[in-house]
Amino acid sequence: MVWILAASVLGLLVVWRLGHLIAGGGSGGGVPTGAVSTHSRSPSTTAGPTERSVFAVFPAQVRGARLELKVFGLGNTPESCTPADLSVGGNVRTVFHHDCTRLESPASSAYFFLVRLTNRTKVTVPAESNGFVISTTDGRSLAPLDAAGATYQRAFVSTDLLPDASVKGWITFDGSTAFIPSSLSYRDGGQTLTVRFRGTWA
């Protein structure tokens, strides 16, 4: 009888100990080595890395993390300037104007590109005329001419773009030494948006 009682008490102790461990009441109080915790972590709010450079081929527009850049294919207006045409897939488009004779032009040798920046975010983003750069087929990189106080129509004006707003205007480059552009880029913070010119120049 004593042996039966002792066996019963021992059995109860074993059952109690197993239940205590299963409930997490072991000496460590945590997950055993090799087990996987089911505790969920808050998802990271840090965005992935932004591509440092994005591009499109003219006449397509290029979309960056914040801004969208468009270089317009122009017509023969104004007639006082010489159009520079590019044949793209059988279509001829005027990429820029040069050799302008109008008095309000900053210089007769300036190359004029009509561009647009569009803010695709929900916050205000700066759009700066000095953020543009032309790369040439002979390996040069040219900054735009200073358009401050420009009297010619539609000069690109630096501004702070509200959400979904756009700014459009002429960006001019010094063409006193003739060049053929290979691309036009805009530096938006740590990212560069580039429109490449691929085709046959007329």
C-alpha atoms as a PDB file:
ATOM      1  CA  MET A   1       0.000   0.000   0.000  1.00  0.00           C
ATOM      2  CA  VAL A   2       2.845   2.379   0.852  1.00  0.00           C
ATOM      3  CA  TRP A   3       4.536   1.594  -2.454  1.00  0.00           C
ATOM      4  CA  ILE A   4       1.334   2.326  -4.382  1.00  0.00           C
ATOM      5  CA  LEU A   5       0.925   5.687  -2.591  1.00  0.00           C
ATOM      6  CA  ALA A   6       4.579   6.624  -3.242  1.00  0.00           C
ATOM      7  CA  ALA A   7       4.220   5.739  -6.940  1.00  0.00           C
ATOM      8  CA  SER A   8       1.077   7.879  -7.198  1.00  0.00           C
ATOM      9  CA  VAL A   9       2.806  10.874  -5.581  1.00  0.00           C
ATOM     10  CA  LEU A  10       5.820  10.465  -7.880  1.00  0.00           C
ATOM     11  CA  GLY A  11       3.533  10.284 -10.918  1.00  0.00           C
ATOM     12  CA  LEU A  12       1.775  13.500  -9.897  1.00  0.00           C
ATOM     13  CA  LEU A  13       5.156  15.244  -9.480  1.00  0.00           C
ATOM     14  CA  VAL A  14       6.247  14.169 -12.983  1.00  0.00           C
ATOM     15  CA  VAL A  15       2.960  15.368 -14.538  1.00  0.00           C
ATOM     16  CA  TRP A  16       3.211  18.718 -12.699  1.00  0.00           C
ATOM     17  CA  ARG A  17       6.847  19.233 -13.804  1.00  0.00           C
ATOM     18  CA  LEU A  18       6.072  18.512 -17.443  1.00  0.00           C
ATOM     19  CA  GLY A  19       3.118  20.857 -17.387  1.00  0.00           C
ATOM     20  CA  HIS A  20       5.269  23.584 -15.836  1.00  0.00           C
ATOM     21  CA  LEU A  21       7.894  23.282 -18.568  1.00  0.00           C
ATOM     22  CA  ILE A  22       5.346  23.265 -21.371  1.00  0.00           C
ATOM     23  CA  ALA A  23       3.789  26.438 -19.950  1.00  0.00           C
ATOM     24  CA  GLY A  24       7.193  28.169 -20.141  1.00  0.00           C
ATOM     25  CA  GLY A  25       7.986  28.045 -16.450  1.00  0.00           C
ATOM     26  CA  GLY A  26      11.488  26.600 -16.879  1.00  0.00           C
ATOM     27  CA  SER A  27      14.485  28.154 -15.207  1.00  0.00           C
ATOM     28  CA  GLY A  28      15.400  30.121 -18.373  1.00  0.00           C
ATOM     29  CA  GLY A  29      11.930  31.557 -18.834  1.00  0.00           C
ATOM     30  CA  GLY A  30      12.547  31.900 -22.596  1.00  0.00           C
ATOM     31  CA  VAL A  31      12.642  29.867 -25.744  1.00  0.00           C
ATOM     32  CA  PRO A  32      14.898  26.810 -25.626  1.00  0.00           C
ATOM     33  CA  THR A  33      18.037  26.823 -27.755  1.00  0.00           C
ATOM     34  CA  GLY A  34      17.222  25.831 -31.322  1.00  0.00           C
ATOM     35  CA  ALA A  35      13.549  26.819 -31.077  1.00  0.00           C
ATOM     36  CA  VAL A  36      12.061  29.695 -33.060  1.00  0.00           C
ATOM     37  CA  SER A  37      10.342  32.552 -31.294  1.00  0.00           C
ATOM     38  CA  THR A  38       6.859  33.370 -32.512  1.00  0.00           C
ATOM     39  CA  HIS A  39       7.117  36.933 -31.153  1.00  0.00           C
ATOM     40  CA  SER A  40       6.291  39.247 -34.052  1.00  0.00           C
ATOM     41  CA  ARG A  41       8.508  42.283 -34.731  1.00  0.00           C
ATOM     42  CA  SER A  42       7.188  45.548 -36.021  1.00  0.00           C
ATOM     43  CA  PRO A  43       7.816  45.874 -39.767  1.00  0.00           C
ATOM     44  CA  SER A  44      10.665  48.186 -40.743  1.00  0.00           C
ATOM     45  CA  THR A  45       9.599  51.647 -41.833  1.00  0.00           C
ATOM     46  CA  THR A  46      12.893  52.333 -43.580  1.00  0.00           C
ATOM     47  CA  ALA A  47      12.455  52.459 -47.343  1.00  0.00           C
ATOM     48  CA  GLY A  48      14.748  50.446 -49.573  1.00  0.00           C
ATOM     49  CA  PRO A  49      17.718  52.137 -51.244  1.00  0.00           C
ATOM     50  CA  THR A  50      16.828  54.507 -54.056  1.00  0.00           C
ATOM     51  CA  GLU A  51      18.476  53.866 -57.398  1.00  0.00           C
ATOM     52  CA  ARG A  52      21.233  56.434 -57.829  1.00  0.00           C
ATOM     53  CA  SER A  53      20.629  56.755 -61.571  1.00  0.00           C
ATOM     54  CA  VAL A  54      17.551  56.162 -63.709  1.00  0.00           C
ATOM     55  CA  PHE A  55      17.191  56.813 -67.419  1.00  0.00           C
ATOM     56  CA  ALA A  56      14.920  56.736 -70.449  1.00  0.00           C
ATOM     57  CA  VAL A  57      15.557  57.127 -74.163  1.00  0.00           C
ATOM     58  CA  PHE A  58      14.202  60.266 -75.867  1.00  0.00           C
ATOM     59  CA  PRO A  59      11.338  61.012 -76.441  1.00  0.00           C
ATOM     60  CA  ALA A  60      10.269  58.987 -73.392  1.00  0.00           C
ATOM     61  CA  GLN A  61      10.235  60.680 -70.008  1.00  0.00           C
ATOM     62  CA  VAL A  62      12.194  59.363 -67.049  1.00  0.00           C
ATOM     63  CA  ARG A  63      10.658  58.923 -63.614  1.00  0.00           C
ATOM     64  CA  GLY A  64      12.755  59.075 -60.470  1.00  0.00           C
ATOM     65  CA  ALA A  65      11.953  58.569 -56.821  1.00  0.00           C
ATOM     66  CA  ARG A  66      10.518  62.090 -56.530  1.00  0.00           C
ATOM     67  CA  LEU A  67      10.555  63.830 -59.904  1.00  0.00           C
ATOM     68  CA  GLU A  68       9.742  63.060 -63.500  1.00  0.00           C
ATOM     69  CA  LEU A  69      11.854  64.607 -66.293  1.00  0.00           C
ATOM     70  CA  LYS A  70      10.577  65.228 -69.796  1.00  0.00           C
ATOM     71  CA  VAL A  71      12.582  66.631 -72.729  1.00  0.00           C
ATOM     72  CA  PHE A  72      10.214  67.801 -75.428  1.00  0.00           C
ATOM     73  CA  GLY A  73      10.477  67.046 -79.113  1.00  0.00           C
ATOM     74  CA  LEU A  74      10.037  70.473 -80.689  1.00  0.00           C
ATOM     75  CA  GLY A  75       8.870  71.806 -84.031  1.00  0.00           C
ATOM     76  CA  ASN A  76      10.496  74.468 -86.191  1.00  0.00           C
ATOM     77  CA  THR A  77       9.268  77.337 -83.979  1.00  0.00           C
ATOM     78  CA  PRO A  78      10.833  79.811 -83.425  1.00  0.00           C
ATOM     79  CA  GLU A  79      11.864  80.348 -87.031  1.00  0.00           C
ATOM     80  CA  SER A  80      14.698  82.631 -85.905  1.00  0.00           C
ATOM     81  CA  CYS A  81      16.538  79.561 -84.554  1.00  0.00           C
ATOM     82  CA  THR A  82      18.043  76.532 -86.275  1.00  0.00           C
ATOM     83  CA  PRO A  83      16.413  73.225 -85.272  1.00  0.00           C
ATOM     84  CA  ALA A  84      18.556  70.203 -84.413  1.00  0.00           C
ATOM     85  CA  ASP A  85      16.661  67.124 -85.547  1.00  0.00           C
ATOM     86  CA  LEU A  86      17.030  63.527 -84.417  1.00  0.00           C
ATOM     87  CA  SER A  87      15.594  60.597 -86.326  1.00  0.00           C
ATOM     88  CA  VAL A  88      14.172  58.094 -83.844  1.00  0.00           C
ATOM     89  CA  GLY A  89      12.560  54.949 -85.226  1.00  0.00           C
ATOM     90  CA  GLY A  90      11.768  56.666 -88.493  1.00  0.00           C
ATOM     91  CA  ASN A  91      10.289  59.745 -86.803  1.00  0.00           C
ATOM     92  CA  VAL A  92      12.174  63.036 -86.963  1.00  0.00           C
ATOM     93  CA  ARG A  93      11.981  65.197 -83.848  1.00  0.00           C
ATOM     94  CA  THR A  94      13.620  68.504 -83.036  1.00  0.00           C
ATOM     95  CA  VAL A  95      15.569  68.032 -79.797  1.00  0.00           C
ATOM     96  CA  PHE A  96      16.933  71.567 -79.387  1.00  0.00           C
ATOM     97  CA  HIS A  97      17.306  74.944 -81.099  1.00  0.00           C
ATOM     98  CA  HIS A  98      20.507  76.901 -81.696  1.00  0.00           C
ATOM     99  CA  ASP A  99      21.939  79.781 -83.745  1.00  0.00           C
ATOM    100  CA  CYS A 100      19.152  82.048 -82.581  1.00  0.00           C
ATOM    101  CA  THR A 101      19.179  85.647 -83.785  1.00  0.00           C
ATOM    102  CA  ARG A 102      16.480  87.094 -81.537  1.00  0.00           C
ATOM    103  CA  LEU A 103      17.755  89.960 -79.399  1.00  0.00           C
ATOM    104  CA  GLU A 104      16.117  88.603 -76.241  1.00  0.00           C
ATOM    105  CA  SER A 105      18.140  85.405 -76.440  1.00  0.00           C
ATOM    106  CA  PRO A 106      20.977  85.194 -73.875  1.00  0.00           C
ATOM    107  CA  ALA A 107      23.491  84.457 -76.643  1.00  0.00           C
ATOM    108  CA  SER A 108      23.261  83.635 -80.332  1.00  0.00           C
ATOM    109  CA  SER A 109      25.320  80.507 -79.670  1.00  0.00           C
ATOM    110  CA  ALA A 110      23.084  79.138 -76.902  1.00  0.00           C
ATOM    111  CA  TYR A 111      21.489  75.718 -77.271  1.00  0.00           C
ATOM    112  CA  PHE A 112      17.864  75.680 -76.077  1.00  0.00           C
ATOM    113  CA  PHE A 113      16.179  72.554 -74.650  1.00  0.00           C
ATOM    114  CA  LEU A 114      12.540  72.601 -73.551  1.00  0.00           C
ATOM    115  CA  VAL A 115      12.165  70.542 -70.365  1.00  0.00           C
ATOM    116  CA  ARG A 116       9.575  69.806 -67.703  1.00  0.00           C
ATOM    117  CA  LEU A 117       9.942  68.568 -64.138  1.00  0.00           C
ATOM    118  CA  THR A 118       6.907  67.084 -62.370  1.00  0.00           C
ATOM    119  CA  ASN A 119       6.663  66.344 -58.653  1.00  0.00           C
ATOM    120  CA  ARG A 120       5.191  62.864 -58.148  1.00  0.00           C
ATOM    121  CA  THR A 121       5.314  62.887 -54.347  1.00  0.00           C
ATOM    122  CA  LYS A 122       3.007  64.218 -51.643  1.00  0.00           C
ATOM    123  CA  VAL A 123       5.580  66.699 -50.344  1.00  0.00           C
ATOM    124  CA  THR A 124       7.188  69.847 -51.726  1.00  0.00           C
ATOM    125  CA  VAL A 125      10.319  69.183 -53.807  1.00  0.00           C
ATOM    126  CA  PRO A 126      12.760  71.830 -55.116  1.00  0.00           C
ATOM    127  CA  ALA A 127      13.304  72.165 -58.878  1.00  0.00           C
ATOM    128  CA  GLU A 128      16.548  73.992 -59.642  1.00  0.00           C
ATOM    129  CA  SER A 129      17.755  75.156 -63.050  1.00  0.00           C
ATOM    130  CA  ASN A 130      21.349  74.492 -62.012  1.00  0.00           C
ATOM    131  CA  GLY A 131      20.493  70.840 -61.429  1.00  0.00           C
ATOM    132  CA  PHE A 132      20.609  70.159 -65.179  1.00  0.00           C
ATOM    133  CA  VAL A 133      23.656  68.989 -67.110  1.00  0.00           C
ATOM    134  CA  ILE A 134      24.339  68.072 -70.721  1.00  0.00           C
ATOM    135  CA  SER A 135      26.679  65.235 -71.626  1.00  0.00           C
ATOM    136  CA  THR A 136      28.220  65.432 -75.098  1.00  0.00           C
ATOM    137  CA  THR A 137      29.372  62.754 -77.504  1.00  0.00           C
ATOM    138  CA  ASP A 138      32.968  63.958 -77.110  1.00  0.00           C
ATOM    139  CA  GLY A 139      32.910  63.327 -73.351  1.00  0.00           C
ATOM    140  CA  ARG A 140      32.182  66.796 -71.976  1.00  0.00           C
ATOM    141  CA  SER A 141      29.650  67.727 -69.277  1.00  0.00           C
ATOM    142  CA  LEU A 142      28.164  71.218 -69.492  1.00  0.00           C
ATOM    143  CA  ALA A 143      26.268  73.173 -66.853  1.00  0.00           C
ATOM    144  CA  PRO A 144      23.409  75.412 -68.004  1.00  0.00           C
ATOM    145  CA  LEU A 145      23.792  79.122 -68.576  1.00  0.00           C
ATOM    146  CA  ASP A 146      22.520  81.387 -65.819  1.00  0.00           C
ATOM    147  CA  ALA A 147      18.949  82.310 -66.744  1.00  0.00           C
ATOM    148  CA  ALA A 148      18.525  84.804 -63.877  1.00  0.00           C
ATOM    149  CA  GLY A 149      16.799  87.867 -65.262  1.00  0.00           C
ATOM    150  CA  ALA A 150      16.295  86.212 -68.649  1.00  0.00           C
ATOM    151  CA  THR A 151      14.017  88.174 -70.934  1.00  0.00           C
ATOM    152  CA  TYR A 152      13.257  85.433 -73.422  1.00  0.00           C
ATOM    153  CA  GLN A 153       9.953  83.669 -73.012  1.00  0.00           C
ATOM    154  CA  ARG A 154       9.541  80.468 -71.028  1.00  0.00           C
ATOM    155  CA  ALA A 155      12.980  80.380 -69.436  1.00  0.00           C
ATOM    156  CA  PHE A 156      13.078  77.617 -66.821  1.00  0.00           C
ATOM    157  CA  VAL A 157      12.480  79.181 -63.414  1.00  0.00           C
ATOM    158  CA  SER A 158      13.742  77.511 -60.242  1.00  0.00           C
ATOM    159  CA  THR A 159      10.903  76.903 -57.804  1.00  0.00           C
ATOM    160  CA  ASP A 160       9.562  74.656 -55.048  1.00  0.00           C
ATOM    161  CA  LEU A 161       7.171  72.185 -56.619  1.00  0.00           C
ATOM    162  CA  LEU A 162       4.027  71.352 -54.686  1.00  0.00           C
ATOM    163  CA  PRO A 163       2.677  67.786 -54.889  1.00  0.00           C
ATOM    164  CA  ASP A 164       1.708  66.874 -58.478  1.00  0.00           C
ATOM    165  CA  ALA A 165       2.860  70.303 -59.746  1.00  0.00           C
ATOM    166  CA  SER A 166       5.097  70.875 -62.792  1.00  0.00           C
ATOM    167  CA  VAL A 167       7.494  73.515 -64.046  1.00  0.00           C
ATOM    168  CA  LYS A 168       8.338  73.810 -67.742  1.00  0.00           C
ATOM    169  CA  GLY A 169      10.788  76.034 -69.569  1.00  0.00           C
ATOM    170  CA  TRP A 170      13.916  76.459 -71.666  1.00  0.00           C
ATOM    171  CA  ILE A 171      17.257  75.298 -70.309  1.00  0.00           C
ATOM    172  CA  THR A 172      20.143  76.849 -72.227  1.00  0.00           C
ATOM    173  CA  PHE A 173      23.743  75.701 -72.694  1.00  0.00           C
ATOM    174  CA  ASP A 174      26.776  77.429 -74.123  1.00  0.00           C
ATOM    175  CA  GLY A 175      27.182  76.360 -77.733  1.00  0.00           C
ATOM    176  CA  SER A 176      30.056  78.680 -78.645  1.00  0.00           C
ATOM    177  CA  THR A 177      31.978  75.430 -79.054  1.00  0.00           C
ATOM    178  CA  ALA A 178      29.584  73.266 -81.040  1.00  0.00           C
ATOM    179  CA  PHE A 179      28.611  69.937 -79.529  1.00  0.00           C
ATOM    180  CA  ILE A 180      26.325  66.963 -80.086  1.00  0.00           C
ATOM    181  CA  PRO A 181      24.387  66.002 -76.940  1.00  0.00           C
ATOM    182  CA  SER A 182      24.383  62.371 -75.846  1.00  0.00           C
ATOM    183  CA  SER A 183      22.053  62.931 -72.880  1.00  0.00           C
ATOM    184  CA  LEU A 184      20.417  65.534 -70.660  1.00  0.00           C
ATOM    185  CA  SER A 185      20.301  64.883 -66.920  1.00  0.00           C
ATOM    186  CA  TYR A 186      18.831  66.402 -63.785  1.00  0.00           C
ATOM    187  CA  ARG A 187      20.351  65.860 -60.346  1.00  0.00           C
ATOM    188  CA  ASP A 188      17.648  65.447 -57.712  1.00  0.00           C
ATOM    189  CA  GLY A 189      19.432  65.098 -54.401  1.00  0.00           C
ATOM    190  CA  GLY A 190      21.278  61.777 -54.475  1.00  0.00           C
ATOM    191  CA  GLN A 191      19.563  60.592 -57.655  1.00  0.00           C
ATOM    192  CA  THR A 192      20.229  61.473 -61.312  1.00  0.00           C
ATOM    193  CA  LEU A 193      17.457  61.393 -63.921  1.00  0.00           C
ATOM    194  CA  THR A 194      18.795  61.046 -67.479  1.00  0.00           C
ATOM    195  CA  VAL A 195      17.188  61.244 -70.914  1.00  0.00           C
ATOM    196  CA  ARG A 196      19.489  59.689 -73.516  1.00  0.00           C
ATOM    197  CA  PHE A 197      19.481  60.718 -77.167  1.00  0.00           C
ATOM    198  CA  ARG A 198      19.668  57.674 -79.410  1.00  0.00           C
ATOM    199  CA  GLY A 199      19.159  57.963 -83.161  1.00  0.00           C
ATOM    200  CA  THR A 200      20.566  59.715 -86.195  1.00  0.00           C
ATOM    201  CA  TRP A 201      21.138  63.456 -86.113  1.00  0.00           C
ATOM    202  CA  ALA A 202      19.964  65.232 -89.262  1.00  0.00           C
END
